[in-house]
Amino acid sequence: MTELLLLRHGPTSEATEARLKGRLDVPLSDAGRAEIAAWRLPILFAAARWYASPLARTRETATILGLSAIADPRLIEMDWGRWEGHSLEELRAADPEGVAANEARGLDFRPPGGESPRTVQARLMPWLAEAAAAAGPVGAVTHKGVIRALIGLATGWDFLGPPPARIGYGLGYHLRLGRDGTPAVVRPGFALGSEP
């Protein structure tokens, strides 16, 4: 069994916070940098091998935490296609029935020109298998969509209704990987620094 800790990158600017960033390479905000500096990782992951999405907001988060993270493109955020840069509120206002019908597809929800959560899960499975084959704990600094996809894999959540764990900033997601990379939830959504 391999212990896996997932972290979401820190907050970005107010101008981009409510928007679907996806693959847009937006930086952390100054407030986000200060918030990350106060995070503390569990002792179990002090000597973990760390990975990060190649986007600047995840790599900078890792750097602020003092982690030497290997960039892995499989950890990049879900591709929101033509919806990137827009807020869900704007999209729902422009096409309420179309967006609602798409959201009702759960794991197969797909923004125009983008990825579905199921596609994100499929791209993550080889990475999980590689992480499970390595010795010692593993950590990843990634994105909300990736964490949602992994929580879905670990719990069977079909993306209909609220997620089984709150996914936000300053929270850690401790999963345990089986030999084949199949994830199980150990401790979801705990405050970083709340306990060792």
N, C-alpha and C. Protein backbone atom coordinates (compact mmCIF):
# COMPACT_ATOMS: atom_id res chain seq x y z
N MET A 1 0.84 -1.19 0.00
CA MET A 1 0.00 0.00 0.00
C MET A 1 0.88 1.25 0.00
N THR A 2 0.45 2.25 -0.75
CA THR A 2 1.18 3.51 -0.84
C THR A 2 0.30 4.64 -0.33
N GLU A 3 0.84 5.46 0.53
CA GLU A 3 0.11 6.61 1.05
C GLU A 3 0.28 7.78 0.07
N LEU A 4 -0.83 8.45 -0.25
CA LEU A 4 -0.83 9.55 -1.21
C LEU A 4 -1.49 10.77 -0.57
N LEU A 5 -0.82 11.91 -0.65
CA LEU A 5 -1.39 13.17 -0.17
C LEU A 5 -1.60 14.09 -1.36
N LEU A 6 -2.82 14.57 -1.53
CA LEU A 6 -3.16 15.51 -2.58
C LEU A 6 -3.35 16.89 -1.98
N LEU A 7 -2.76 17.90 -2.62
CA LEU A 7 -2.95 19.28 -2.23
C LEU A 7 -3.43 20.07 -3.43
N ARG A 8 -4.39 20.95 -3.20
CA ARG A 8 -4.78 21.90 -4.24
C ARG A 8 -3.83 23.10 -4.15
N HIS A 9 -3.47 23.66 -5.29
CA HIS A 9 -2.65 24.87 -5.30
C HIS A 9 -3.32 25.97 -4.49
N GLY A 10 -2.58 27.01 -4.15
CA GLY A 10 -3.12 28.13 -3.39
C GLY A 10 -4.00 29.04 -4.23
N PRO A 11 -4.67 30.00 -3.59
CA PRO A 11 -5.58 30.91 -4.28
C PRO A 11 -4.88 31.79 -5.31
N THR A 12 -5.64 32.09 -6.35
CA THR A 12 -5.18 33.00 -7.40
C THR A 12 -5.83 34.37 -7.17
N SER A 13 -5.73 35.26 -8.12
CA SER A 13 -6.27 36.62 -7.93
C SER A 13 -7.79 36.60 -7.90
N GLU A 14 -8.37 37.63 -7.27
CA GLU A 14 -9.82 37.75 -7.22
C GLU A 14 -10.44 37.78 -8.61
N ALA A 15 -9.70 38.36 -9.57
CA ALA A 15 -10.22 38.48 -10.94
C ALA A 15 -10.40 37.11 -11.59
N THR A 16 -9.62 36.10 -11.17
CA THR A 16 -9.73 34.77 -11.79
C THR A 16 -10.37 33.74 -10.88
N GLU A 17 -10.57 34.06 -9.61
CA GLU A 17 -10.98 33.06 -8.64
C GLU A 17 -12.31 32.39 -8.98
N ALA A 18 -13.31 33.14 -9.41
CA ALA A 18 -14.62 32.56 -9.69
C ALA A 18 -14.73 32.02 -11.11
N ARG A 19 -13.66 32.11 -11.87
CA ARG A 19 -13.69 31.68 -13.26
C ARG A 19 -13.08 30.30 -13.42
N LEU A 20 -13.49 29.60 -14.46
CA LEU A 20 -12.95 28.29 -14.77
C LEU A 20 -11.56 28.49 -15.38
N LYS A 21 -10.55 28.19 -14.60
CA LYS A 21 -9.18 28.44 -15.07
C LYS A 21 -8.68 27.32 -15.97
N GLY A 22 -8.99 26.09 -15.61
CA GLY A 22 -8.55 24.97 -16.43
C GLY A 22 -7.07 25.04 -16.73
N ARG A 23 -6.74 25.08 -18.02
CA ARG A 23 -5.34 25.08 -18.46
C ARG A 23 -4.75 26.48 -18.53
N LEU A 24 -5.57 27.52 -18.25
CA LEU A 24 -5.02 28.88 -18.24
C LEU A 24 -3.95 28.96 -17.16
N ASP A 25 -2.80 29.51 -17.49
CA ASP A 25 -1.68 29.50 -16.55
C ASP A 25 -1.66 30.77 -15.73
N VAL A 26 -2.61 30.89 -14.82
CA VAL A 26 -2.71 32.09 -13.99
C VAL A 26 -1.85 31.91 -12.73
N PRO A 27 -1.25 33.01 -12.23
CA PRO A 27 -0.38 32.92 -11.06
C PRO A 27 -1.16 32.93 -9.75
N LEU A 28 -0.47 32.60 -8.69
CA LEU A 28 -1.02 32.76 -7.35
C LEU A 28 -1.17 34.25 -7.05
N SER A 29 -2.08 34.58 -6.15
CA SER A 29 -2.17 35.96 -5.67
C SER A 29 -1.20 36.15 -4.50
N ASP A 30 -0.94 37.40 -4.14
CA ASP A 30 -0.09 37.66 -2.97
C ASP A 30 -0.73 37.07 -1.71
N ALA A 31 -2.05 37.21 -1.59
CA ALA A 31 -2.74 36.63 -0.44
C ALA A 31 -2.62 35.11 -0.46
N GLY A 32 -2.69 34.51 -1.65
CA GLY A 32 -2.53 33.07 -1.78
C GLY A 32 -1.15 32.60 -1.34
N ARG A 33 -0.13 33.36 -1.71
CA ARG A 33 1.24 33.01 -1.30
C ARG A 33 1.37 33.05 0.23
N ALA A 34 0.78 34.07 0.84
CA ALA A 34 0.84 34.18 2.30
C ALA A 34 0.09 33.03 2.96
N GLU A 35 -1.04 32.64 2.39
CA GLU A 35 -1.82 31.53 2.95
C GLU A 35 -1.02 30.23 2.89
N ILE A 36 -0.39 29.97 1.75
CA ILE A 36 0.39 28.73 1.59
C ILE A 36 1.53 28.67 2.60
N ALA A 37 2.16 29.81 2.86
CA ALA A 37 3.29 29.84 3.79
C ALA A 37 2.90 29.37 5.20
N ALA A 38 1.61 29.42 5.52
CA ALA A 38 1.13 28.98 6.84
C ALA A 38 0.73 27.50 6.86
N TRP A 39 0.68 26.86 5.70
CA TRP A 39 0.30 25.44 5.66
C TRP A 39 1.40 24.58 6.25
N ARG A 40 1.01 23.49 6.92
CA ARG A 40 1.96 22.51 7.45
C ARG A 40 1.50 21.13 7.01
N LEU A 41 2.44 20.35 6.48
CA LEU A 41 2.12 19.02 5.98
C LEU A 41 2.22 17.99 7.09
N PRO A 42 1.43 16.91 6.99
CA PRO A 42 1.55 15.84 7.99
C PRO A 42 2.95 15.23 7.98
N ILE A 43 3.42 14.83 9.14
CA ILE A 43 4.76 14.27 9.28
C ILE A 43 4.95 13.06 8.37
N LEU A 44 3.92 12.27 8.18
CA LEU A 44 4.00 11.09 7.32
C LEU A 44 4.53 11.43 5.93
N PHE A 45 4.27 12.65 5.46
CA PHE A 45 4.66 13.04 4.11
C PHE A 45 5.89 13.93 4.07
N ALA A 46 6.62 14.03 5.17
CA ALA A 46 7.81 14.88 5.22
C ALA A 46 8.87 14.42 4.23
N ALA A 47 8.99 13.11 4.03
CA ALA A 47 10.01 12.58 3.11
C ALA A 47 9.38 11.99 1.86
N ALA A 48 8.15 12.42 1.54
CA ALA A 48 7.46 11.88 0.36
C ALA A 48 8.13 12.33 -0.93
N ARG A 49 7.90 11.56 -1.98
CA ARG A 49 8.27 11.99 -3.33
C ARG A 49 7.13 12.84 -3.83
N TRP A 50 7.42 14.04 -4.31
CA TRP A 50 6.38 14.99 -4.68
C TRP A 50 6.32 15.22 -6.18
N TYR A 51 5.10 15.40 -6.65
CA TYR A 51 4.82 15.70 -8.06
C TYR A 51 3.93 16.93 -8.09
N ALA A 52 3.89 17.59 -9.24
CA ALA A 52 3.01 18.76 -9.40
C ALA A 52 2.57 18.85 -10.85
N SER A 53 1.43 19.44 -11.03
CA SER A 53 0.98 19.83 -12.37
C SER A 53 2.03 20.79 -12.94
N PRO A 54 2.16 20.85 -14.26
CA PRO A 54 3.14 21.78 -14.84
C PRO A 54 2.72 23.24 -14.81
N LEU A 55 1.50 23.56 -14.39
CA LEU A 55 1.07 24.96 -14.37
C LEU A 55 1.73 25.72 -13.23
N ALA A 56 1.95 27.02 -13.46
CA ALA A 56 2.72 27.85 -12.52
C ALA A 56 2.11 27.87 -11.12
N ARG A 57 0.79 27.88 -11.00
CA ARG A 57 0.19 28.00 -9.67
C ARG A 57 0.46 26.78 -8.79
N THR A 58 0.62 25.61 -9.39
CA THR A 58 0.94 24.42 -8.60
C THR A 58 2.43 24.35 -8.30
N ARG A 59 3.25 24.69 -9.28
CA ARG A 59 4.70 24.64 -9.06
C ARG A 59 5.13 25.67 -8.01
N GLU A 60 4.51 26.85 -8.05
CA GLU A 60 4.85 27.86 -7.04
C GLU A 60 4.36 27.44 -5.66
N THR A 61 3.21 26.81 -5.59
CA THR A 61 2.72 26.29 -4.31
C THR A 61 3.73 25.31 -3.73
N ALA A 62 4.22 24.39 -4.56
CA ALA A 62 5.21 23.41 -4.11
C ALA A 62 6.47 24.11 -3.62
N THR A 63 6.92 25.11 -4.36
CA THR A 63 8.14 25.83 -3.98
C THR A 63 7.98 26.53 -2.63
N ILE A 64 6.84 27.20 -2.42
CA ILE A 64 6.60 27.88 -1.15
C ILE A 64 6.61 26.89 0.01
N LEU A 65 6.12 25.67 -0.25
CA LEU A 65 6.10 24.63 0.79
C LEU A 65 7.45 23.94 0.97
N GLY A 66 8.43 24.33 0.15
CA GLY A 66 9.76 23.74 0.25
C GLY A 66 9.85 22.35 -0.36
N LEU A 67 8.96 22.05 -1.32
CA LEU A 67 8.94 20.73 -1.93
C LEU A 67 9.66 20.75 -3.28
N SER A 68 10.47 19.75 -3.52
CA SER A 68 11.09 19.57 -4.84
C SER A 68 10.16 18.66 -5.63
N ALA A 69 9.24 19.25 -6.35
CA ALA A 69 8.21 18.48 -7.05
C ALA A 69 8.58 18.26 -8.51
N ILE A 70 8.35 17.06 -8.98
CA ILE A 70 8.55 16.71 -10.38
C ILE A 70 7.28 17.09 -11.14
N ALA A 71 7.41 17.86 -12.21
CA ALA A 71 6.25 18.24 -13.01
C ALA A 71 5.77 17.03 -13.80
N ASP A 72 4.47 16.75 -13.72
CA ASP A 72 3.88 15.65 -14.47
C ASP A 72 2.62 16.15 -15.16
N PRO A 73 2.58 16.13 -16.49
CA PRO A 73 1.43 16.68 -17.22
C PRO A 73 0.12 15.97 -16.94
N ARG A 74 0.17 14.75 -16.42
CA ARG A 74 -1.08 14.04 -16.12
C ARG A 74 -1.82 14.66 -14.93
N LEU A 75 -1.12 15.50 -14.15
CA LEU A 75 -1.73 16.15 -12.99
C LEU A 75 -2.30 17.53 -13.32
N ILE A 76 -2.28 17.91 -14.61
CA ILE A 76 -2.80 19.22 -15.02
C ILE A 76 -4.32 19.26 -14.82
N GLU A 77 -4.84 20.46 -14.66
CA GLU A 77 -6.28 20.64 -14.42
C GLU A 77 -7.11 20.12 -15.59
N MET A 78 -8.36 19.80 -15.29
CA MET A 78 -9.32 19.40 -16.31
C MET A 78 -9.38 20.48 -17.39
N ASP A 79 -9.44 20.07 -18.63
CA ASP A 79 -9.54 21.00 -19.75
C ASP A 79 -11.00 21.44 -19.88
N TRP A 80 -11.23 22.74 -19.66
CA TRP A 80 -12.59 23.28 -19.74
C TRP A 80 -12.92 23.80 -21.14
N GLY A 81 -12.05 23.57 -22.10
CA GLY A 81 -12.34 23.92 -23.49
C GLY A 81 -12.75 25.37 -23.66
N ARG A 82 -13.84 25.58 -24.40
CA ARG A 82 -14.31 26.95 -24.68
C ARG A 82 -14.91 27.64 -23.46
N TRP A 83 -15.08 26.92 -22.36
CA TRP A 83 -15.62 27.53 -21.15
C TRP A 83 -14.53 28.14 -20.27
N GLU A 84 -13.26 27.87 -20.58
CA GLU A 84 -12.20 28.44 -19.75
C GLU A 84 -12.26 29.96 -19.77
N GLY A 85 -12.04 30.56 -18.60
CA GLY A 85 -12.09 32.00 -18.46
C GLY A 85 -13.47 32.54 -18.13
N HIS A 86 -14.49 31.69 -18.17
CA HIS A 86 -15.86 32.10 -17.84
C HIS A 86 -16.24 31.54 -16.48
N SER A 87 -17.24 32.14 -15.85
CA SER A 87 -17.76 31.57 -14.60
C SER A 87 -18.94 30.68 -14.93
N LEU A 88 -19.21 29.71 -14.06
CA LEU A 88 -20.38 28.84 -14.26
C LEU A 88 -21.67 29.66 -14.26
N GLU A 89 -21.70 30.72 -13.44
CA GLU A 89 -22.89 31.56 -13.38
C GLU A 89 -23.16 32.21 -14.75
N GLU A 90 -22.11 32.71 -15.39
CA GLU A 90 -22.26 33.29 -16.73
C GLU A 90 -22.76 32.25 -17.72
N LEU A 91 -22.18 31.06 -17.68
CA LEU A 91 -22.54 30.01 -18.62
C LEU A 91 -23.98 29.55 -18.40
N ARG A 92 -24.37 29.41 -17.12
CA ARG A 92 -25.75 29.00 -16.82
C ARG A 92 -26.75 30.07 -17.24
N ALA A 93 -26.39 31.34 -17.09
CA ALA A 93 -27.28 32.43 -17.49
C ALA A 93 -27.46 32.46 -19.00
N ALA A 94 -26.39 32.17 -19.75
CA ALA A 94 -26.43 32.23 -21.21
C ALA A 94 -27.19 31.04 -21.80
N ASP A 95 -27.10 29.87 -21.17
CA ASP A 95 -27.74 28.66 -21.71
C ASP A 95 -28.17 27.75 -20.56
N PRO A 96 -29.21 28.15 -19.80
CA PRO A 96 -29.56 27.39 -18.60
C PRO A 96 -29.90 25.92 -18.87
N GLU A 97 -30.68 25.67 -19.92
CA GLU A 97 -31.09 24.28 -20.19
C GLU A 97 -29.92 23.44 -20.68
N GLY A 98 -29.10 24.01 -21.55
CA GLY A 98 -27.96 23.26 -22.09
C GLY A 98 -26.93 22.92 -21.03
N VAL A 99 -26.61 23.88 -20.18
CA VAL A 99 -25.63 23.63 -19.13
C VAL A 99 -26.20 22.63 -18.12
N ALA A 100 -27.48 22.76 -17.77
CA ALA A 100 -28.09 21.82 -16.82
C ALA A 100 -28.09 20.40 -17.38
N ALA A 101 -28.40 20.26 -18.66
CA ALA A 101 -28.40 18.93 -19.28
C ALA A 101 -26.99 18.34 -19.28
N ASN A 102 -26.01 19.17 -19.55
CA ASN A 102 -24.63 18.70 -19.54
C ASN A 102 -24.21 18.29 -18.13
N GLU A 103 -24.53 19.10 -17.13
CA GLU A 103 -24.17 18.79 -15.74
C GLU A 103 -24.85 17.50 -15.27
N ALA A 104 -26.04 17.22 -15.78
CA ALA A 104 -26.79 16.02 -15.39
C ALA A 104 -26.13 14.73 -15.91
N ARG A 105 -25.12 14.86 -16.74
CA ARG A 105 -24.41 13.69 -17.27
C ARG A 105 -23.37 13.15 -16.28
N GLY A 106 -23.16 13.86 -15.16
CA GLY A 106 -22.25 13.36 -14.12
C GLY A 106 -20.83 13.18 -14.63
N LEU A 107 -20.32 11.97 -14.53
CA LEU A 107 -18.95 11.68 -14.95
C LEU A 107 -18.70 11.99 -16.42
N ASP A 108 -19.76 12.01 -17.22
CA ASP A 108 -19.62 12.27 -18.65
C ASP A 108 -19.92 13.72 -19.04
N PHE A 109 -20.08 14.58 -18.03
CA PHE A 109 -20.19 16.02 -18.28
C PHE A 109 -18.95 16.46 -19.05
N ARG A 110 -19.15 17.20 -20.14
CA ARG A 110 -18.00 17.63 -20.94
C ARG A 110 -18.24 19.03 -21.48
N PRO A 111 -17.41 20.01 -21.09
CA PRO A 111 -17.53 21.34 -21.68
C PRO A 111 -17.16 21.28 -23.17
N PRO A 112 -17.71 22.16 -23.99
CA PRO A 112 -17.38 22.14 -25.41
C PRO A 112 -15.87 22.25 -25.64
N GLY A 113 -15.31 21.25 -26.32
CA GLY A 113 -13.89 21.24 -26.60
C GLY A 113 -13.02 20.85 -25.43
N GLY A 114 -13.62 20.37 -24.33
CA GLY A 114 -12.86 20.05 -23.12
C GLY A 114 -12.90 18.58 -22.76
N GLU A 115 -12.56 18.30 -21.50
CA GLU A 115 -12.51 16.93 -20.98
C GLU A 115 -13.70 16.66 -20.07
N SER A 116 -14.06 15.41 -19.96
CA SER A 116 -15.04 14.99 -18.95
C SER A 116 -14.29 14.52 -17.71
N PRO A 117 -14.96 14.48 -16.55
CA PRO A 117 -14.31 13.92 -15.37
C PRO A 117 -13.84 12.48 -15.60
N ARG A 118 -14.61 11.72 -16.37
CA ARG A 118 -14.22 10.33 -16.66
C ARG A 118 -12.89 10.30 -17.45
N THR A 119 -12.73 11.25 -18.36
CA THR A 119 -11.48 11.34 -19.13
C THR A 119 -10.32 11.69 -18.21
N VAL A 120 -10.56 12.60 -17.26
CA VAL A 120 -9.51 12.96 -16.29
C VAL A 120 -9.12 11.73 -15.48
N GLN A 121 -10.11 10.96 -15.04
CA GLN A 121 -9.80 9.74 -14.28
C GLN A 121 -8.95 8.78 -15.10
N ALA A 122 -9.30 8.61 -16.38
CA ALA A 122 -8.54 7.70 -17.24
C ALA A 122 -7.09 8.16 -17.40
N ARG A 123 -6.88 9.48 -17.49
CA ARG A 123 -5.51 9.97 -17.65
C ARG A 123 -4.71 9.83 -16.36
N LEU A 124 -5.40 9.80 -15.21
CA LEU A 124 -4.72 9.68 -13.92
C LEU A 124 -4.39 8.24 -13.54
N MET A 125 -5.09 7.27 -14.08
CA MET A 125 -4.90 5.87 -13.68
C MET A 125 -3.46 5.38 -13.88
N PRO A 126 -2.80 5.66 -15.01
CA PRO A 126 -1.40 5.22 -15.13
C PRO A 126 -0.48 5.89 -14.10
N TRP A 127 -0.74 7.16 -13.80
CA TRP A 127 0.06 7.85 -12.78
C TRP A 127 -0.14 7.20 -11.42
N LEU A 128 -1.38 6.86 -11.08
CA LEU A 128 -1.66 6.20 -9.80
C LEU A 128 -0.94 4.85 -9.72
N ALA A 129 -0.94 4.09 -10.82
CA ALA A 129 -0.26 2.79 -10.82
C ALA A 129 1.24 2.98 -10.62
N GLU A 130 1.83 3.99 -11.25
CA GLU A 130 3.26 4.27 -11.07
C GLU A 130 3.55 4.69 -9.63
N ALA A 131 2.69 5.53 -9.07
CA ALA A 131 2.87 5.97 -7.68
C ALA A 131 2.78 4.78 -6.73
N ALA A 132 1.84 3.86 -7.00
CA ALA A 132 1.66 2.70 -6.12
C ALA A 132 2.85 1.76 -6.18
N ALA A 133 3.57 1.74 -7.30
CA ALA A 133 4.71 0.83 -7.45
C ALA A 133 5.96 1.35 -6.77
N ALA A 134 5.97 2.61 -6.39
CA ALA A 134 7.16 3.21 -5.79
C ALA A 134 7.18 2.95 -4.28
N ALA A 135 8.38 2.99 -3.73
CA ALA A 135 8.51 2.81 -2.28
C ALA A 135 8.27 4.13 -1.56
N GLY A 136 7.57 4.08 -0.46
CA GLY A 136 7.35 5.27 0.36
C GLY A 136 6.17 6.11 -0.07
N PRO A 137 5.83 7.11 0.74
CA PRO A 137 4.68 7.96 0.46
C PRO A 137 4.92 8.88 -0.73
N VAL A 138 3.81 9.32 -1.33
CA VAL A 138 3.83 10.18 -2.51
C VAL A 138 2.91 11.35 -2.25
N GLY A 139 3.27 12.52 -2.78
CA GLY A 139 2.41 13.70 -2.68
C GLY A 139 2.26 14.33 -4.04
N ALA A 140 1.16 15.06 -4.24
CA ALA A 140 0.93 15.76 -5.50
C ALA A 140 0.27 17.10 -5.22
N VAL A 141 0.82 18.14 -5.83
CA VAL A 141 0.20 19.47 -5.80
C VAL A 141 -0.51 19.62 -7.13
N THR A 142 -1.82 19.74 -7.08
CA THR A 142 -2.60 19.68 -8.30
C THR A 142 -3.78 20.64 -8.24
N HIS A 143 -4.89 20.28 -8.85
CA HIS A 143 -6.02 21.19 -9.05
C HIS A 143 -7.32 20.57 -8.54
N LYS A 144 -8.32 21.41 -8.39
CA LYS A 144 -9.64 20.98 -7.89
C LYS A 144 -10.22 19.86 -8.75
N GLY A 145 -10.17 20.03 -10.08
CA GLY A 145 -10.76 19.01 -10.96
C GLY A 145 -10.07 17.67 -10.84
N VAL A 146 -8.77 17.67 -10.65
CA VAL A 146 -8.01 16.43 -10.49
C VAL A 146 -8.37 15.78 -9.15
N ILE A 147 -8.44 16.57 -8.10
CA ILE A 147 -8.79 16.03 -6.78
C ILE A 147 -10.22 15.47 -6.82
N ARG A 148 -11.13 16.19 -7.46
CA ARG A 148 -12.51 15.68 -7.59
C ARG A 148 -12.51 14.34 -8.33
N ALA A 149 -11.74 14.24 -9.40
CA ALA A 149 -11.69 12.99 -10.16
C ALA A 149 -11.16 11.84 -9.30
N LEU A 150 -10.11 12.12 -8.51
CA LEU A 150 -9.54 11.07 -7.66
C LEU A 150 -10.47 10.70 -6.51
N ILE A 151 -11.14 11.68 -5.93
CA ILE A 151 -12.14 11.37 -4.88
C ILE A 151 -13.25 10.52 -5.48
N GLY A 152 -13.65 10.84 -6.70
CA GLY A 152 -14.66 10.02 -7.38
C GLY A 152 -14.19 8.58 -7.57
N LEU A 153 -12.95 8.40 -8.00
CA LEU A 153 -12.41 7.05 -8.16
C LEU A 153 -12.38 6.31 -6.83
N ALA A 154 -12.01 7.01 -5.77
CA ALA A 154 -11.84 6.38 -4.46
C ALA A 154 -13.16 6.03 -3.79
N THR A 155 -14.21 6.77 -4.11
CA THR A 155 -15.49 6.59 -3.39
C THR A 155 -16.63 6.06 -4.26
N GLY A 156 -16.44 6.08 -5.57
CA GLY A 156 -17.54 5.70 -6.46
C GLY A 156 -18.50 6.85 -6.74
N TRP A 157 -18.18 8.05 -6.26
CA TRP A 157 -19.03 9.22 -6.53
C TRP A 157 -19.12 9.42 -8.04
N ASP A 158 -20.36 9.60 -8.52
CA ASP A 158 -20.62 9.69 -9.97
C ASP A 158 -20.73 11.13 -10.47
N PHE A 159 -20.35 12.09 -9.65
CA PHE A 159 -20.39 13.52 -10.00
C PHE A 159 -21.82 14.05 -10.09
N LEU A 160 -22.76 13.32 -9.54
CA LEU A 160 -24.13 13.81 -9.43
C LEU A 160 -24.35 14.12 -7.96
N GLY A 161 -24.73 15.33 -7.67
CA GLY A 161 -24.85 15.76 -6.29
C GLY A 161 -23.50 16.24 -5.77
N PRO A 162 -23.49 16.69 -4.52
CA PRO A 162 -22.25 17.25 -3.97
C PRO A 162 -21.17 16.18 -3.81
N PRO A 163 -19.90 16.58 -3.86
CA PRO A 163 -18.82 15.61 -3.66
C PRO A 163 -18.83 15.09 -2.23
N PRO A 164 -18.28 13.89 -2.01
CA PRO A 164 -18.26 13.33 -0.66
C PRO A 164 -17.28 14.00 0.29
N ALA A 165 -16.48 14.91 -0.23
CA ALA A 165 -15.54 15.67 0.62
C ALA A 165 -15.44 17.09 0.08
N ARG A 166 -15.32 18.05 1.00
CA ARG A 166 -15.14 19.45 0.58
C ARG A 166 -13.78 19.59 -0.07
N ILE A 167 -13.74 20.26 -1.21
CA ILE A 167 -12.48 20.44 -1.93
C ILE A 167 -12.18 21.93 -1.98
N GLY A 168 -11.18 22.34 -1.21
CA GLY A 168 -10.88 23.76 -1.11
C GLY A 168 -9.40 23.99 -0.88
N TYR A 169 -9.08 25.24 -0.66
CA TYR A 169 -7.70 25.63 -0.39
C TYR A 169 -7.33 25.29 1.05
N GLY A 170 -6.05 24.97 1.26
CA GLY A 170 -5.56 24.71 2.60
C GLY A 170 -6.02 23.40 3.19
N LEU A 171 -6.49 22.49 2.34
CA LEU A 171 -6.96 21.19 2.80
C LEU A 171 -6.11 20.10 2.16
N GLY A 172 -5.90 19.02 2.90
CA GLY A 172 -5.19 17.87 2.39
C GLY A 172 -6.14 16.71 2.19
N TYR A 173 -5.80 15.83 1.27
CA TYR A 173 -6.61 14.66 0.94
C TYR A 173 -5.69 13.45 0.98
N HIS A 174 -5.81 12.68 2.04
CA HIS A 174 -4.96 11.51 2.24
C HIS A 174 -5.68 10.30 1.66
N LEU A 175 -5.07 9.71 0.64
CA LEU A 175 -5.60 8.49 0.02
C LEU A 175 -4.59 7.37 0.21
N ARG A 176 -5.05 6.15 0.07
CA ARG A 176 -4.16 4.98 0.11
C ARG A 176 -4.34 4.23 -1.20
N LEU A 177 -3.23 3.92 -1.86
CA LEU A 177 -3.27 3.25 -3.15
C LEU A 177 -3.02 1.76 -2.98
N GLY A 178 -3.89 0.96 -3.62
CA GLY A 178 -3.64 -0.48 -3.69
C GLY A 178 -2.49 -0.76 -4.64
N ARG A 179 -2.09 -2.00 -4.73
CA ARG A 179 -0.94 -2.35 -5.58
C ARG A 179 -1.12 -1.94 -7.03
N ASP A 180 -2.37 -1.94 -7.51
CA ASP A 180 -2.64 -1.57 -8.91
C ASP A 180 -2.92 -0.08 -9.07
N GLY A 181 -2.85 0.68 -7.97
CA GLY A 181 -3.11 2.12 -8.03
C GLY A 181 -4.52 2.51 -7.66
N THR A 182 -5.37 1.54 -7.35
CA THR A 182 -6.75 1.86 -6.97
C THR A 182 -6.74 2.65 -5.67
N PRO A 183 -7.36 3.86 -5.67
CA PRO A 183 -7.32 4.70 -4.47
C PRO A 183 -8.47 4.41 -3.50
N ALA A 184 -8.18 4.59 -2.23
CA ALA A 184 -9.19 4.55 -1.17
C ALA A 184 -8.96 5.77 -0.28
N VAL A 185 -10.04 6.33 0.24
CA VAL A 185 -9.94 7.51 1.09
C VAL A 185 -9.53 7.11 2.49
N VAL A 186 -8.52 7.80 3.02
CA VAL A 186 -8.10 7.63 4.41
C VAL A 186 -8.60 8.81 5.23
N ARG A 187 -8.30 10.01 4.75
CA ARG A 187 -8.66 11.23 5.49
C ARG A 187 -8.89 12.35 4.48
N PRO A 188 -10.14 12.65 4.17
CA PRO A 188 -10.41 13.67 3.16
C PRO A 188 -10.62 15.06 3.75
N GLY A 189 -10.08 16.06 3.08
CA GLY A 189 -10.40 17.44 3.40
C GLY A 189 -10.01 17.89 4.79
N PHE A 190 -8.82 17.53 5.28
CA PHE A 190 -8.38 17.99 6.60
C PHE A 190 -7.54 19.24 6.45
N ALA A 191 -7.61 20.12 7.44
CA ALA A 191 -6.88 21.39 7.39
C ALA A 191 -5.38 21.13 7.53
N LEU A 192 -4.62 21.70 6.64
CA LEU A 192 -3.17 21.55 6.68
C LEU A 192 -2.62 22.25 7.92
N GLY A 193 -1.95 21.50 8.75
CA GLY A 193 -1.43 22.05 10.00
C GLY A 193 -2.33 21.79 11.17
N SER A 194 -3.48 21.12 10.94
CA SER A 194 -4.40 20.88 12.04
C SER A 194 -3.89 19.80 12.99
N GLU A 195 -3.12 18.87 12.47
CA GLU A 195 -2.50 17.84 13.30
C GLU A 195 -1.37 17.21 12.50
N PRO A 196 -0.44 16.49 13.15
CA PRO A 196 0.72 15.93 12.44
C PRO A 196 0.34 14.81 11.48
